[in-house]
Amino acid sequence: MTNGMRRLARVLVFVLGASAVGSHMAADQAGALAVLVVIETEKGRIDLAVDRVRAPLTAENFLKYVDAGAYDGGQFQRTVRPDTETNTTTPIQVVQARRGRGTAGFGPIALERTSMTGLSHRDGVVSMARGPAPDSASSDFFICIGDQPSLDHGGARNPDGQGFAAFGRVVAGMDVVRAIQASPVQTGTQTLAPPIRIVRVARKAP
């Protein structure tokens, strides 16, 4: 190997090593800055890591509702699973929750597309529910059971292809999520009967 080739090899090793370190640093930063949130339900506890680094707008919106106590007394009211799914073209599996009745809303927020955040709707990912318009999410959120790529930007679940805003993931309590998903529904609907009560949602104490 010539001296020039040796120098080139050393440069390549340095660049590739720096790239790997940068990638690990970004992942570590996202983990370090994640906010841990505890959802206490009548079926058990679910722990979330809310990603303020990659989905700052959506994460801060969710935390605003958490800090206001808006989810206390709320419900997991919807389950989408094979026997309740009505969209046979792009079926999904999720459970959806809403804030307590009579609590204040803060209005809709802009959609943080997964193409911007780099997040994707994998098993245990938490994301915001939305209406027909992309920028219509406010407080309702859902949790994925299994990977749900059709909910990402470019996915076919929404006709507009804009997807949903993922902003965190379940770090403990997926057994509780699956128990909620498997709960009884009103015949012919996705509505849990009765809904699963949310006792309290709060940031996890240090």
C-alpha atoms as a PDB file:
ATOM      1  CA  MET A   1       0.000   0.000   0.000  1.00  0.00           C
ATOM      2  CA  THR A   2       1.399   3.414  -0.955  1.00  0.00           C
ATOM      3  CA  ASN A   3       1.673   6.344   1.478  1.00  0.00           C
ATOM      4  CA  GLY A   4      -1.197   8.101  -0.329  1.00  0.00           C
ATOM      5  CA  MET A   5      -3.455   5.075   0.054  1.00  0.00           C
ATOM      6  CA  ARG A   6      -2.544   4.797   3.755  1.00  0.00           C
ATOM      7  CA  ARG A   7      -3.474   8.465   4.304  1.00  0.00           C
ATOM      8  CA  LEU A   8      -6.775   7.945   2.478  1.00  0.00           C
ATOM      9  CA  ALA A   9      -7.569   4.876   4.595  1.00  0.00           C
ATOM     10  CA  ARG A  10      -6.880   6.837   7.808  1.00  0.00           C
ATOM     11  CA  VAL A  11      -9.176   9.658   6.641  1.00  0.00           C
ATOM     12  CA  LEU A  12     -11.956   7.191   5.830  1.00  0.00           C
ATOM     13  CA  VAL A  13     -11.650   5.513   9.230  1.00  0.00           C
ATOM     14  CA  PHE A  14     -11.807   8.924  10.939  1.00  0.00           C
ATOM     15  CA  VAL A  15     -14.859  10.083   8.927  1.00  0.00           C
ATOM     16  CA  LEU A  16     -16.769   6.841   9.417  1.00  0.00           C
ATOM     17  CA  GLY A  17     -15.912   6.785  13.106  1.00  0.00           C
ATOM     18  CA  ALA A  18     -17.018  10.391  13.551  1.00  0.00           C
ATOM     19  CA  SER A  19     -20.271   9.625  11.740  1.00  0.00           C
ATOM     20  CA  ALA A  20     -20.981   6.684  14.033  1.00  0.00           C
ATOM     21  CA  VAL A  21     -20.175   8.722  17.125  1.00  0.00           C
ATOM     22  CA  GLY A  22     -22.411  11.548  15.890  1.00  0.00           C
ATOM     23  CA  SER A  23     -25.258   9.101  15.351  1.00  0.00           C
ATOM     24  CA  HIS A  24     -24.838   7.661  18.857  1.00  0.00           C
ATOM     25  CA  MET A  25     -24.629  11.159  20.330  1.00  0.00           C
ATOM     26  CA  ALA A  26     -27.894  12.140  18.629  1.00  0.00           C
ATOM     27  CA  ALA A  27     -29.587   9.010  19.984  1.00  0.00           C
ATOM     28  CA  ASP A  28     -28.147   9.614  23.452  1.00  0.00           C
ATOM     29  CA  GLN A  29     -29.273  13.244  23.361  1.00  0.00           C
ATOM     30  CA  ALA A  30     -32.810  12.232  22.407  1.00  0.00           C
ATOM     31  CA  GLY A  31     -32.872   9.694  25.242  1.00  0.00           C
ATOM     32  CA  ALA A  32     -31.397  12.109  27.772  1.00  0.00           C
ATOM     33  CA  LEU A  33     -33.878  14.847  26.917  1.00  0.00           C
ATOM     34  CA  ALA A  34     -36.911  12.556  26.776  1.00  0.00           C
ATOM     35  CA  VAL A  35     -39.569  13.327  29.375  1.00  0.00           C
ATOM     36  CA  LEU A  36     -40.925  10.281  31.186  1.00  0.00           C
ATOM     37  CA  VAL A  37     -44.685  10.343  31.667  1.00  0.00           C
ATOM     38  CA  VAL A  38     -46.778   7.866  33.648  1.00  0.00           C
ATOM     39  CA  ILE A  39     -50.342   6.995  32.610  1.00  0.00           C
ATOM     40  CA  GLU A  40     -52.253   5.328  35.420  1.00  0.00           C
ATOM     41  CA  THR A  41     -55.326   3.489  34.148  1.00  0.00           C
ATOM     42  CA  GLU A  42     -57.828   1.201  35.797  1.00  0.00           C
ATOM     43  CA  LYS A  43     -56.107  -1.685  33.990  1.00  0.00           C
ATOM     44  CA  GLY A  44     -52.599  -0.727  35.076  1.00  0.00           C
ATOM     45  CA  ARG A  45     -49.723   1.624  34.410  1.00  0.00           C
ATOM     46  CA  ILE A  46     -48.150   2.707  31.130  1.00  0.00           C
ATOM     47  CA  ASP A  47     -44.811   4.574  31.062  1.00  0.00           C
ATOM     48  CA  LEU A  48     -44.021   6.825  28.096  1.00  0.00           C
ATOM     49  CA  ALA A  49     -40.824   8.500  26.914  1.00  0.00           C
ATOM     50  CA  VAL A  50     -41.820  11.744  25.193  1.00  0.00           C
ATOM     51  CA  ASP A  51     -39.319  12.813  22.526  1.00  0.00           C
ATOM     52  CA  ARG A  52     -38.757  16.574  22.820  1.00  0.00           C
ATOM     53  CA  VAL A  53     -35.720  16.461  20.534  1.00  0.00           C
ATOM     54  CA  ARG A  54     -37.183  15.072  17.331  1.00  0.00           C
ATOM     55  CA  ALA A  55     -40.842  16.083  17.794  1.00  0.00           C
ATOM     56  CA  PRO A  56     -40.608  19.275  19.896  1.00  0.00           C
ATOM     57  CA  LEU A  57     -43.909  20.874  18.892  1.00  0.00           C
ATOM     58  CA  THR A  58     -46.016  17.753  19.397  1.00  0.00           C
ATOM     59  CA  ALA A  59     -44.175  16.753  22.574  1.00  0.00           C
ATOM     60  CA  GLU A  60     -44.619  20.166  24.194  1.00  0.00           C
ATOM     61  CA  ASN A  61     -48.298  20.208  23.231  1.00  0.00           C
ATOM     62  CA  PHE A  62     -48.826  16.813  24.892  1.00  0.00           C
ATOM     63  CA  LEU A  63     -46.886  17.876  27.997  1.00  0.00           C
ATOM     64  CA  LYS A  64     -49.001  21.032  28.258  1.00  0.00           C
ATOM     65  CA  TYR A  65     -52.093  18.837  28.633  1.00  0.00           C
ATOM     66  CA  VAL A  66     -50.275  16.545  31.061  1.00  0.00           C
ATOM     67  CA  ASP A  67     -49.159  19.458  33.273  1.00  0.00           C
ATOM     68  CA  ALA A  68     -52.687  20.903  33.211  1.00  0.00           C
ATOM     69  CA  GLY A  69     -54.099  17.597  34.497  1.00  0.00           C
ATOM     70  CA  ALA A  70     -56.315  17.433  31.431  1.00  0.00           C
ATOM     71  CA  TYR A  71     -55.944  13.674  30.973  1.00  0.00           C
ATOM     72  CA  ASP A  72     -56.884  12.914  34.606  1.00  0.00           C
ATOM     73  CA  GLY A  73     -60.324  11.339  34.454  1.00  0.00           C
ATOM     74  CA  GLY A  74     -59.973  10.819  30.713  1.00  0.00           C
ATOM     75  CA  GLN A  75     -60.489   7.585  28.847  1.00  0.00           C
ATOM     76  CA  PHE A  76     -59.108   5.094  26.418  1.00  0.00           C
ATOM     77  CA  GLN A  77     -62.272   5.011  24.360  1.00  0.00           C
ATOM     78  CA  ARG A  78     -61.311   3.406  21.039  1.00  0.00           C
ATOM     79  CA  THR A  79     -59.673   0.152  19.983  1.00  0.00           C
ATOM     80  CA  VAL A  80     -58.727  -0.778  16.440  1.00  0.00           C
ATOM     81  CA  ARG A  81     -57.928  -4.468  15.981  1.00  0.00           C
ATOM     82  CA  PRO A  82     -58.730  -7.102  13.350  1.00  0.00           C
ATOM     83  CA  ASP A  83     -62.307  -7.692  14.538  1.00  0.00           C
ATOM     84  CA  THR A  84     -63.153  -3.970  14.791  1.00  0.00           C
ATOM     85  CA  GLU A  85     -61.215  -2.605  11.804  1.00  0.00           C
ATOM     86  CA  THR A  86     -63.421  -1.257   9.020  1.00  0.00           C
ATOM     87  CA  ASN A  87     -60.627  -0.186   6.656  1.00  0.00           C
ATOM     88  CA  THR A  88     -59.708  -3.425   4.924  1.00  0.00           C
ATOM     89  CA  THR A  89     -57.310  -1.691   2.508  1.00  0.00           C
ATOM     90  CA  THR A  90     -54.931  -0.278   5.135  1.00  0.00           C
ATOM     91  CA  PRO A  91     -55.787  -1.932   8.465  1.00  0.00           C
ATOM     92  CA  ILE A  92     -54.064  -0.756  11.644  1.00  0.00           C
ATOM     93  CA  GLN A  93     -53.973  -1.721  15.316  1.00  0.00           C
ATOM     94  CA  VAL A  94     -54.068   1.074  17.902  1.00  0.00           C
ATOM     95  CA  VAL A  95     -55.802   2.210  21.069  1.00  0.00           C
ATOM     96  CA  GLN A  96     -56.877   5.844  21.350  1.00  0.00           C
ATOM     97  CA  ALA A  97     -57.302   8.075  24.409  1.00  0.00           C
ATOM     98  CA  ARG A  98     -58.870  11.441  25.127  1.00  0.00           C
ATOM     99  CA  ARG A  99     -58.682  14.024  27.877  1.00  0.00           C
ATOM    100  CA  GLY A 100     -61.194  14.323  30.709  1.00  0.00           C
ATOM    101  CA  ARG A 101     -64.578  15.823  29.970  1.00  0.00           C
ATOM    102  CA  GLY A 102     -64.909  19.487  30.830  1.00  0.00           C
ATOM    103  CA  THR A 103     -61.171  20.155  30.627  1.00  0.00           C
ATOM    104  CA  ALA A 104     -59.833  23.011  28.524  1.00  0.00           C
ATOM    105  CA  GLY A 105     -58.341  22.463  25.098  1.00  0.00           C
ATOM    106  CA  PHE A 106     -55.485  24.487  23.633  1.00  0.00           C
ATOM    107  CA  GLY A 107     -56.496  24.288  19.992  1.00  0.00           C
ATOM    108  CA  PRO A 108     -55.029  22.435  17.001  1.00  0.00           C
ATOM    109  CA  ILE A 109     -51.308  22.287  16.246  1.00  0.00           C
ATOM    110  CA  ALA A 110     -49.277  21.998  13.066  1.00  0.00           C
ATOM    111  CA  LEU A 111     -48.487  18.456  11.932  1.00  0.00           C
ATOM    112  CA  GLU A 112     -44.906  17.334  12.562  1.00  0.00           C
ATOM    113  CA  ARG A 113     -44.596  14.807   9.769  1.00  0.00           C
ATOM    114  CA  THR A 114     -42.533  11.684  10.320  1.00  0.00           C
ATOM    115  CA  SER A 115     -40.510  12.665   7.246  1.00  0.00           C
ATOM    116  CA  MET A 116     -39.333  15.672   9.297  1.00  0.00           C
ATOM    117  CA  THR A 117     -38.878  14.008  12.702  1.00  0.00           C
ATOM    118  CA  GLY A 118     -37.351  10.723  11.588  1.00  0.00           C
ATOM    119  CA  LEU A 119     -39.741   8.858  13.887  1.00  0.00           C
ATOM    120  CA  SER A 120     -41.972   6.067  12.618  1.00  0.00           C
ATOM    121  CA  HIS A 121     -45.067   4.288  13.861  1.00  0.00           C
ATOM    122  CA  ARG A 122     -43.550   1.147  15.316  1.00  0.00           C
ATOM    123  CA  ASP A 123     -44.826  -1.085  18.094  1.00  0.00           C
ATOM    124  CA  GLY A 124     -45.424   1.015  21.224  1.00  0.00           C
ATOM    125  CA  VAL A 125     -45.058   4.394  19.515  1.00  0.00           C
ATOM    126  CA  VAL A 126     -47.315   7.180  20.776  1.00  0.00           C
ATOM    127  CA  SER A 127     -48.809   9.571  18.235  1.00  0.00           C
ATOM    128  CA  MET A 128     -51.442  12.288  17.936  1.00  0.00           C
ATOM    129  CA  ALA A 129     -54.882  11.568  16.518  1.00  0.00           C
ATOM    130  CA  ARG A 130     -56.065  14.034  13.865  1.00  0.00           C
ATOM    131  CA  GLY A 131     -59.054  14.855  11.726  1.00  0.00           C
ATOM    132  CA  PRO A 132     -59.309  15.055   7.935  1.00  0.00           C
ATOM    133  CA  ALA A 133     -57.048  18.126   7.817  1.00  0.00           C
ATOM    134  CA  PRO A 134     -53.331  17.608   8.534  1.00  0.00           C
ATOM    135  CA  ASP A 135     -53.052  20.448  11.078  1.00  0.00           C
ATOM    136  CA  SER A 136     -56.005  19.361  13.220  1.00  0.00           C
ATOM    137  CA  ALA A 137     -54.488  17.359  16.108  1.00  0.00           C
ATOM    138  CA  SER A 138     -55.079  18.740  19.586  1.00  0.00           C
ATOM    139  CA  SER A 139     -55.160  16.397  22.603  1.00  0.00           C
ATOM    140  CA  ASP A 140     -56.336  12.902  21.592  1.00  0.00           C
ATOM    141  CA  PHE A 141     -53.472  10.440  21.255  1.00  0.00           C
ATOM    142  CA  PHE A 142     -53.031   6.795  20.299  1.00  0.00           C
ATOM    143  CA  ILE A 143     -50.581   3.958  20.906  1.00  0.00           C
ATOM    144  CA  CYS A 144     -49.520   1.533  18.175  1.00  0.00           C
ATOM    145  CA  ILE A 145     -49.775  -2.205  18.706  1.00  0.00           C
ATOM    146  CA  GLY A 146     -47.320  -3.686  16.234  1.00  0.00           C
ATOM    147  CA  ASP A 147     -45.590  -1.707  13.466  1.00  0.00           C
ATOM    148  CA  GLN A 148     -47.976   0.584  11.569  1.00  0.00           C
ATOM    149  CA  PRO A 149     -46.071   2.090   8.600  1.00  0.00           C
ATOM    150  CA  SER A 150     -49.279   3.227   6.896  1.00  0.00           C
ATOM    151  CA  LEU A 151     -49.519   5.930   9.593  1.00  0.00           C
ATOM    152  CA  ASP A 152     -46.172   7.471   8.568  1.00  0.00           C
ATOM    153  CA  HIS A 153     -45.796  10.322   6.085  1.00  0.00           C
ATOM    154  CA  GLY A 154     -46.465   8.856   2.653  1.00  0.00           C
ATOM    155  CA  GLY A 155     -48.569   6.070   4.152  1.00  0.00           C
ATOM    156  CA  ALA A 156     -51.966   5.164   2.765  1.00  0.00           C
ATOM    157  CA  ARG A 157     -54.056   5.376   5.924  1.00  0.00           C
ATOM    158  CA  ASN A 158     -54.924   9.025   5.231  1.00  0.00           C
ATOM    159  CA  PRO A 159     -55.986  10.021   1.713  1.00  0.00           C
ATOM    160  CA  ASP A 160     -53.701  13.068   1.927  1.00  0.00           C
ATOM    161  CA  GLY A 161     -50.645  10.879   2.629  1.00  0.00           C
ATOM    162  CA  GLN A 162     -49.423  13.259   5.341  1.00  0.00           C
ATOM    163  CA  GLY A 163     -49.597  10.695   8.129  1.00  0.00           C
ATOM    164  CA  PHE A 164     -49.670  11.325  11.862  1.00  0.00           C
ATOM    165  CA  ALA A 165     -47.272  12.958  14.334  1.00  0.00           C
ATOM    166  CA  ALA A 166     -45.369  10.365  16.364  1.00  0.00           C
ATOM    167  CA  PHE A 167     -43.838  11.913  19.482  1.00  0.00           C
ATOM    168  CA  GLY A 168     -42.785   9.177  21.896  1.00  0.00           C
ATOM    169  CA  ARG A 169     -42.948   5.528  22.819  1.00  0.00           C
ATOM    170  CA  VAL A 170     -44.042   3.155  25.550  1.00  0.00           C
ATOM    171  CA  VAL A 171     -41.078   2.095  27.699  1.00  0.00           C
ATOM    172  CA  ALA A 172     -43.091  -0.046  30.144  1.00  0.00           C
ATOM    173  CA  GLY A 173     -46.644  -1.338  30.232  1.00  0.00           C
ATOM    174  CA  MET A 174     -47.290  -2.713  26.748  1.00  0.00           C
ATOM    175  CA  ASP A 175     -49.103  -5.567  28.458  1.00  0.00           C
ATOM    176  CA  VAL A 176     -51.563  -2.960  29.756  1.00  0.00           C
ATOM    177  CA  VAL A 177     -51.895  -1.443  26.262  1.00  0.00           C
ATOM    178  CA  ARG A 178     -52.699  -4.873  24.816  1.00  0.00           C
ATOM    179  CA  ALA A 179     -55.221  -5.533  27.597  1.00  0.00           C
ATOM    180  CA  ILE A 180     -56.957  -2.264  26.738  1.00  0.00           C
ATOM    181  CA  GLN A 181     -56.951  -3.186  23.045  1.00  0.00           C
ATOM    182  CA  ALA A 182     -58.560  -6.551  23.802  1.00  0.00           C
ATOM    183  CA  SER A 183     -61.340  -5.092  25.988  1.00  0.00           C
ATOM    184  CA  PRO A 184     -65.024  -5.392  24.982  1.00  0.00           C
ATOM    185  CA  VAL A 185     -66.552  -2.996  22.477  1.00  0.00           C
ATOM    186  CA  GLN A 186     -70.030  -1.884  21.521  1.00  0.00           C
ATOM    187  CA  THR A 187     -71.222  -4.352  18.889  1.00  0.00           C
ATOM    188  CA  GLY A 188     -70.129  -3.362  15.406  1.00  0.00           C
ATOM    189  CA  THR A 189     -67.993  -0.426  16.576  1.00  0.00           C
ATOM    190  CA  GLN A 190     -64.479   0.482  17.740  1.00  0.00           C
ATOM    191  CA  THR A 191     -65.860   2.067  20.933  1.00  0.00           C
ATOM    192  CA  LEU A 192     -64.730   0.410  24.149  1.00  0.00           C
ATOM    193  CA  ALA A 193     -67.675  -0.582  26.334  1.00  0.00           C
ATOM    194  CA  PRO A 194     -67.083   0.560  28.932  1.00  0.00           C
ATOM    195  CA  PRO A 195     -64.181   2.909  28.154  1.00  0.00           C
ATOM    196  CA  ILE A 196     -61.012   2.307  30.157  1.00  0.00           C
ATOM    197  CA  ARG A 197     -60.713   5.085  32.714  1.00  0.00           C
ATOM    198  CA  ILE A 198     -57.493   7.091  32.995  1.00  0.00           C
ATOM    199  CA  VAL A 199     -56.899   7.786  36.676  1.00  0.00           C
ATOM    200  CA  ARG A 200     -53.969  10.176  36.284  1.00  0.00           C
ATOM    201  CA  VAL A 201     -51.293  11.257  33.821  1.00  0.00           C
ATOM    202  CA  ALA A 202     -48.195  13.022  35.139  1.00  0.00           C
ATOM    203  CA  ARG A 203     -44.488  13.462  34.570  1.00  0.00           C
ATOM    204  CA  LYS A 204     -42.523  10.730  36.291  1.00  0.00           C
ATOM    205  CA  ALA A 205     -40.797  11.963  39.443  1.00  0.00           C
ATOM    206  CA  PRO A 206     -36.974  11.925  39.238  1.00  0.00           C
END
